[in-house]
Amino acid sequence: MENQTTVEYTLLILAMISVLLPILGGRFNVPVLMVFGRWLRWLLFAAVFAFFLWYFELSFRPTWVHFITGLTLWFTIETGYNWIAIKALSHSELPLFPDFELNEDGDEWPADKKFIELREWLRSENFKRLSAMKAELFEGTYLRASVYESADQLTRIQILFLPKRKDGATACYSITTQGKDDRRLVTDNLFLPYGGYYPSGWEMSRKPLIGSLRRLLKLHHKRVIKSTLTPVSFEDEPLEELNDQQRILERLNLETGFLVPRAQQEEEGKITYEGRYRLWKEMWMLAYLGKSIA
């Protein structure tokens, strides 16, 4: 009886920790806590499943067998949920490569202390604000972007403000250095699954576990130094450049078979079965390993 009570309290404490970790990770911008939270949630489900079978005497197999069965059951449930979500995305009106327009509404930066401090830090590092843009995802729901450029005009930082389910936004950063012969070096911390392909001349590095722009910029500078890329100044305006990138990516993913041809999208959805598999794989890698397949 004493052992049973100990197990129950342990499971309760682990459940509380699994809830707190994602909350703390989002509040203090520490994505690794969210990854730990997901692993803990998975292990907790398997432990509760094994305890349930033992407590109600529904099975007399070894506890480790019940635990592994619980792990497998969670994997199956979450895989099914992810596939349903991917299918819904494929058949939804949500644009996968949305068109951006200039944002003249004055709501570029959310009224949040940490974002105000970030803007001040960019100014202190001599980054110049170039443009504010937005793209409509759903009616009344916008993806906002703010672009800054370094004093030597060799580095651009794109800050994406992703709307939350509730009020507010979360920020992701994409840092780009352009080179000769259509080469570019990109370092970002986007945590949303992409799953598609990039042009061969784009050197991509996705670091969703780095929540700090300062650390991400430091990493980007190291990559530029180690790379054979010869940096050149940006010539296009941010809006033109961003929309050109969107069209390049859309065309490439049509050609590589990630996207369904436009004429068939209404019937089959936007994403091919191969593309859905890649997207599913990236969802798992981002959620449990903090890595992208890019």
Protein backbone atom coordinates (compact mmCIF):
# COMPACT_ATOMS: atom_id res chain seq x y z
CA MET A 1 0.00 0.00 0.00
CA GLU A 2 2.88 2.32 0.84
CA ASN A 3 4.54 1.58 -2.51
CA GLN A 4 1.28 2.31 -4.30
CA THR A 5 0.95 5.69 -2.59
CA THR A 6 4.55 6.57 -3.47
CA VAL A 7 3.93 5.73 -7.12
CA GLU A 8 0.75 7.80 -7.17
CA TYR A 9 2.47 10.86 -5.70
CA THR A 10 5.40 10.45 -8.07
CA LEU A 11 3.11 10.34 -11.08
CA LEU A 12 1.24 13.39 -9.80
CA ILE A 13 4.46 15.38 -9.39
CA LEU A 14 5.66 14.37 -12.85
CA ALA A 15 2.31 15.42 -14.31
CA MET A 16 2.65 18.85 -12.71
CA ILE A 17 6.21 19.21 -14.04
CA SER A 18 5.13 18.19 -17.55
CA VAL A 19 2.56 21.01 -17.48
CA LEU A 20 4.93 23.61 -16.03
CA LEU A 21 7.88 23.01 -18.37
CA PRO A 22 6.15 24.21 -21.59
CA ILE A 23 4.70 27.20 -19.73
CA LEU A 24 8.11 28.22 -18.38
CA GLY A 25 9.75 27.56 -21.76
CA GLY A 26 7.31 29.88 -23.52
CA ARG A 27 7.41 32.59 -20.87
CA PHE A 28 11.19 32.77 -20.56
CA ASN A 29 11.92 31.91 -24.21
CA VAL A 30 13.76 28.66 -23.44
CA PRO A 31 12.54 26.21 -26.13
CA VAL A 32 14.55 23.29 -24.72
CA LEU A 33 12.15 23.20 -21.75
CA MET A 34 9.30 22.54 -24.19
CA VAL A 35 11.21 19.59 -25.66
CA PHE A 36 11.83 18.17 -22.17
CA GLY A 37 8.15 18.68 -21.41
CA ARG A 38 7.11 16.64 -24.44
CA TRP A 39 9.47 13.76 -23.53
CA LEU A 40 8.21 13.80 -19.96
CA ARG A 41 4.61 13.80 -21.14
CA TRP A 42 5.33 10.76 -23.34
CA LEU A 43 7.07 8.85 -20.55
CA LEU A 44 4.36 9.85 -18.08
CA PHE A 45 1.64 8.51 -20.34
CA ALA A 46 3.44 5.16 -20.57
CA ALA A 47 3.94 5.06 -16.79
CA VAL A 48 0.28 5.87 -16.08
CA PHE A 49 -0.79 3.26 -18.64
CA ALA A 50 1.37 0.60 -16.94
CA PHE A 51 0.14 1.63 -13.48
CA PHE A 52 -3.49 1.49 -14.64
CA LEU A 53 -3.13 -2.07 -15.94
CA TRP A 54 -1.39 -3.14 -12.72
CA TYR A 55 -3.78 -1.38 -10.33
CA PHE A 56 -6.95 -2.81 -11.90
CA GLU A 57 -5.27 -6.18 -12.56
CA LEU A 58 -6.14 -6.02 -16.25
CA SER A 59 -2.88 -7.68 -17.23
CA PHE A 60 -0.28 -9.75 -15.36
CA ARG A 61 2.57 -9.28 -17.78
CA PRO A 62 5.78 -7.59 -16.55
CA THR A 63 5.63 -3.86 -15.88
CA TRP A 64 8.27 -3.12 -18.52
CA VAL A 65 6.04 -4.74 -21.17
CA HIS A 66 3.14 -2.48 -20.14
CA PHE A 67 5.47 0.55 -20.17
CA ILE A 68 6.71 -0.15 -23.71
CA THR A 69 3.12 -0.78 -24.82
CA GLY A 70 2.19 2.63 -23.38
CA LEU A 71 5.06 4.28 -25.28
CA THR A 72 3.90 2.64 -28.50
CA LEU A 73 0.28 3.61 -27.88
CA TRP A 74 1.25 7.29 -27.35
CA PHE A 75 3.33 7.22 -30.54
CA THR A 76 0.37 5.80 -32.46
CA ILE A 77 -2.10 8.33 -31.04
CA GLU A 78 0.13 11.33 -31.69
CA THR A 79 1.05 10.09 -35.17
CA GLY A 80 -2.64 9.76 -36.02
CA TYR A 81 -3.31 13.26 -34.69
CA ASN A 82 -0.40 14.73 -36.67
CA TRP A 83 -1.54 13.06 -39.88
CA ILE A 84 -5.05 14.43 -39.41
CA ALA A 85 -3.59 17.90 -38.82
CA ILE A 86 -1.38 17.64 -41.93
CA LYS A 87 -4.33 16.52 -44.06
CA ALA A 88 -6.42 19.41 -42.71
CA LEU A 89 -3.58 21.82 -43.53
CA SER A 90 -3.29 20.39 -47.04
CA HIS A 91 -7.00 20.97 -47.73
CA SER A 92 -7.29 24.28 -45.88
CA GLU A 93 -7.31 27.79 -47.29
CA LEU A 94 -4.15 28.63 -45.33
CA PRO A 95 -1.48 29.78 -47.84
CA LEU A 96 1.74 27.79 -47.51
CA PHE A 97 3.76 30.55 -49.18
CA PRO A 98 1.75 33.71 -48.46
CA ASP A 99 2.20 37.03 -50.25
CA PHE A 100 3.41 39.87 -48.05
CA GLU A 101 2.44 43.51 -48.27
CA LEU A 102 3.65 46.62 -46.49
CA ASN A 103 2.28 46.99 -42.99
CA GLU A 104 1.12 50.56 -42.48
CA ASP A 105 -1.22 49.83 -39.56
CA GLY A 106 1.29 50.79 -36.87
CA ASP A 107 1.02 47.40 -35.12
CA GLU A 108 4.40 46.10 -36.21
CA TRP A 109 5.73 45.34 -32.72
CA PRO A 110 3.58 43.74 -30.00
CA ALA A 111 3.29 45.81 -26.82
CA ASP A 112 5.47 43.50 -24.77
CA LYS A 113 8.45 44.40 -22.60
CA LYS A 114 10.72 41.70 -24.06
CA PHE A 115 10.01 42.86 -27.63
CA ILE A 116 10.66 46.48 -26.69
CA GLU A 117 14.01 45.44 -25.20
CA LEU A 118 14.79 43.48 -28.38
CA ARG A 119 14.12 46.54 -30.53
CA GLU A 120 16.41 48.63 -28.33
CA TRP A 121 19.12 46.00 -28.59
CA LEU A 122 18.93 46.06 -32.39
CA ARG A 123 19.41 49.81 -32.32
CA SER A 124 22.39 49.49 -30.00
CA GLU A 125 23.95 47.01 -32.45
CA ASN A 126 23.52 49.57 -35.30
CA PHE A 127 20.87 47.57 -37.15
CA LYS A 128 18.68 49.82 -39.25
CA ARG A 129 14.95 49.18 -39.60
CA LEU A 130 14.09 48.75 -43.27
CA SER A 131 10.48 47.67 -43.49
CA ALA A 132 7.41 46.27 -41.75
CA MET A 133 5.30 43.73 -43.64
CA LYS A 134 2.33 41.45 -43.09
CA ALA A 135 0.64 38.50 -44.77
CA GLU A 136 -2.94 37.43 -44.15
CA LEU A 137 -3.26 33.82 -43.00
CA PHE A 138 -6.97 33.81 -42.21
CA GLU A 139 -9.51 36.57 -42.24
CA GLY A 140 -8.30 39.07 -39.67
CA THR A 141 -5.25 36.98 -38.70
CA TYR A 142 -1.88 38.19 -39.93
CA LEU A 143 1.72 37.02 -39.94
CA ARG A 144 3.81 40.14 -39.31
CA ALA A 145 7.45 40.67 -40.22
CA SER A 146 9.97 43.36 -39.44
CA VAL A 147 13.28 43.57 -41.33
CA TYR A 148 16.52 45.09 -40.05
CA GLU A 149 19.85 45.49 -41.83
CA SER A 150 23.39 45.75 -40.45
CA ALA A 151 25.47 48.89 -40.90
CA ASP A 152 27.63 47.21 -43.58
CA GLN A 153 24.48 46.10 -45.46
CA LEU A 154 25.69 42.49 -45.52
CA THR A 155 23.29 41.00 -42.95
CA ARG A 156 19.53 41.19 -42.71
CA ILE A 157 17.45 40.08 -39.76
CA GLN A 158 13.83 39.18 -40.33
CA ILE A 159 11.68 39.04 -37.22
CA LEU A 160 8.47 37.08 -37.68
CA PHE A 161 5.66 37.66 -35.21
CA LEU A 162 3.49 34.54 -35.18
CA PRO A 163 -0.01 34.99 -33.74
CA LYS A 164 -0.88 32.87 -30.72
CA ARG A 165 -4.20 31.15 -30.18
CA LYS A 166 -4.91 33.69 -27.49
CA ASP A 167 -3.88 37.33 -27.59
CA GLY A 168 -0.24 38.19 -28.22
CA ALA A 169 2.48 36.85 -30.47
CA THR A 170 5.67 34.86 -30.38
CA ALA A 171 8.77 35.85 -32.33
CA CYS A 172 11.06 33.85 -34.59
CA TYR A 173 14.25 35.16 -36.20
CA SER A 174 15.77 34.56 -39.62
CA ILE A 175 19.25 35.96 -40.36
CA THR A 176 20.47 36.12 -43.96
CA THR A 177 23.75 36.93 -45.67
CA GLN A 178 23.67 37.09 -49.45
CA GLY A 179 26.54 35.93 -51.65
CA LYS A 180 27.52 35.86 -55.29
CA ASP A 181 25.92 33.49 -57.83
CA ASP A 182 22.54 33.45 -56.02
CA ARG A 183 24.05 31.89 -52.92
CA ARG A 184 22.77 32.80 -49.51
CA LEU A 185 23.48 31.70 -45.96
CA VAL A 186 20.49 31.58 -43.63
CA THR A 187 20.36 30.91 -39.89
CA ASP A 188 16.95 30.84 -38.22
CA ASN A 189 15.15 29.47 -35.19
CA LEU A 190 11.76 28.78 -36.75
CA PHE A 191 9.99 26.05 -34.80
CA LEU A 192 7.13 25.50 -37.26
CA PRO A 193 7.52 22.40 -39.45
CA TYR A 194 8.38 23.15 -43.07
CA GLY A 195 9.19 19.76 -44.59
CA GLY A 196 9.89 21.13 -48.06
CA TYR A 197 13.02 21.70 -50.09
CA TYR A 198 15.39 24.65 -50.42
CA PRO A 199 17.43 25.74 -53.45
CA SER A 200 20.88 24.12 -53.62
CA GLY A 201 22.56 27.51 -53.29
CA TRP A 202 20.92 28.21 -49.93
CA GLU A 203 22.97 27.12 -46.92
CA MET A 204 20.27 26.63 -44.28
CA SER A 205 20.75 26.11 -40.55
CA ARG A 206 17.64 25.86 -38.39
CA LYS A 207 18.17 26.12 -34.62
CA PRO A 208 14.72 26.09 -32.96
CA LEU A 209 16.27 25.54 -29.51
CA ILE A 210 18.03 28.92 -29.61
CA GLY A 211 15.52 31.47 -28.35
CA SER A 212 17.95 34.39 -28.13
CA LEU A 213 18.54 36.61 -31.18
CA ARG A 214 21.93 37.56 -29.74
CA ARG A 215 23.08 33.91 -29.68
CA LEU A 216 21.58 33.21 -33.09
CA LEU A 217 23.39 36.19 -34.62
CA LYS A 218 26.67 35.07 -33.06
CA LEU A 219 26.20 31.61 -34.58
CA HIS A 220 25.38 33.15 -37.95
CA HIS A 221 28.59 35.21 -37.95
CA LYS A 222 30.61 32.06 -37.19
CA ARG A 223 28.94 30.28 -40.12
CA VAL A 224 29.76 33.17 -42.46
CA ILE A 225 33.43 33.10 -41.41
CA LYS A 226 33.68 29.33 -41.98
CA SER A 227 31.74 29.42 -45.25
CA THR A 228 33.22 29.92 -48.73
CA LEU A 229 30.45 32.41 -49.45
CA THR A 230 31.56 35.92 -50.44
CA PRO A 231 29.08 38.35 -48.85
CA VAL A 232 27.58 41.05 -51.07
CA SER A 233 25.22 43.91 -50.28
CA PHE A 234 21.50 43.45 -50.67
CA GLU A 235 20.04 45.20 -53.71
CA ASP A 236 16.31 44.43 -53.50
CA GLU A 237 13.88 46.04 -51.10
CA PRO A 238 12.79 43.71 -48.26
CA LEU A 239 9.23 43.31 -49.55
CA GLU A 240 10.37 42.45 -53.07
CA GLU A 241 13.05 40.10 -51.77
CA LEU A 242 10.70 38.27 -49.39
CA ASN A 243 7.99 37.73 -51.98
CA ASP A 244 10.60 36.59 -54.52
CA GLN A 245 11.82 34.03 -51.99
CA GLN A 246 8.28 32.80 -51.48
CA ARG A 247 7.80 32.29 -55.22
CA ILE A 248 11.18 30.54 -55.57
CA LEU A 249 10.33 28.12 -52.76
CA GLU A 250 6.84 27.46 -54.09
CA ARG A 251 8.12 26.75 -57.60
CA LEU A 252 10.92 24.49 -56.32
CA ASN A 253 8.56 22.45 -54.14
CA LEU A 254 6.17 22.02 -57.06
CA GLU A 255 9.05 20.74 -59.19
CA THR A 256 10.38 18.37 -56.50
CA GLY A 257 6.99 16.81 -55.80
CA PHE A 258 6.39 18.25 -52.34
CA LEU A 259 3.41 20.27 -53.58
CA VAL A 260 0.56 19.07 -55.77
CA PRO A 261 0.23 20.92 -59.12
CA ARG A 262 -2.16 23.86 -58.80
CA ALA A 263 -4.73 22.37 -61.18
CA GLN A 264 -5.15 19.32 -58.91
CA GLN A 265 -4.96 21.00 -55.49
CA GLU A 266 -8.69 21.52 -55.08
CA GLU A 267 -9.28 17.78 -55.37
CA GLU A 268 -6.09 16.31 -53.83
CA GLY A 269 -5.00 19.06 -51.47
CA LYS A 270 -1.84 21.17 -51.61
CA ILE A 271 0.69 18.63 -50.28
CA THR A 272 1.60 15.31 -51.90
CA TYR A 273 1.83 12.08 -49.89
CA GLU A 274 5.63 12.30 -50.02
CA GLY A 275 5.40 15.88 -48.78
CA ARG A 276 3.04 14.86 -45.97
CA TYR A 277 5.50 12.20 -44.84
CA ARG A 278 8.35 14.73 -44.80
CA LEU A 279 6.18 17.16 -42.89
CA TRP A 280 5.19 14.49 -40.36
CA LYS A 281 8.84 13.50 -39.89
CA GLU A 282 9.85 17.11 -39.29
CA MET A 283 7.02 17.58 -36.79
CA TRP A 284 8.43 14.71 -34.74
CA MET A 285 12.04 15.88 -35.05
CA LEU A 286 11.17 19.42 -33.99
CA ALA A 287 8.97 18.29 -31.12
CA TYR A 288 11.28 15.68 -29.60
CA LEU A 289 14.78 16.47 -30.90
CA GLY A 290 14.62 20.19 -31.61
CA LYS A 291 16.00 19.59 -35.11
CA SER A 292 14.79 20.16 -38.65
CA ILE A 293 15.27 17.96 -41.71
CA ALA A 294 16.40 21.03 -43.69
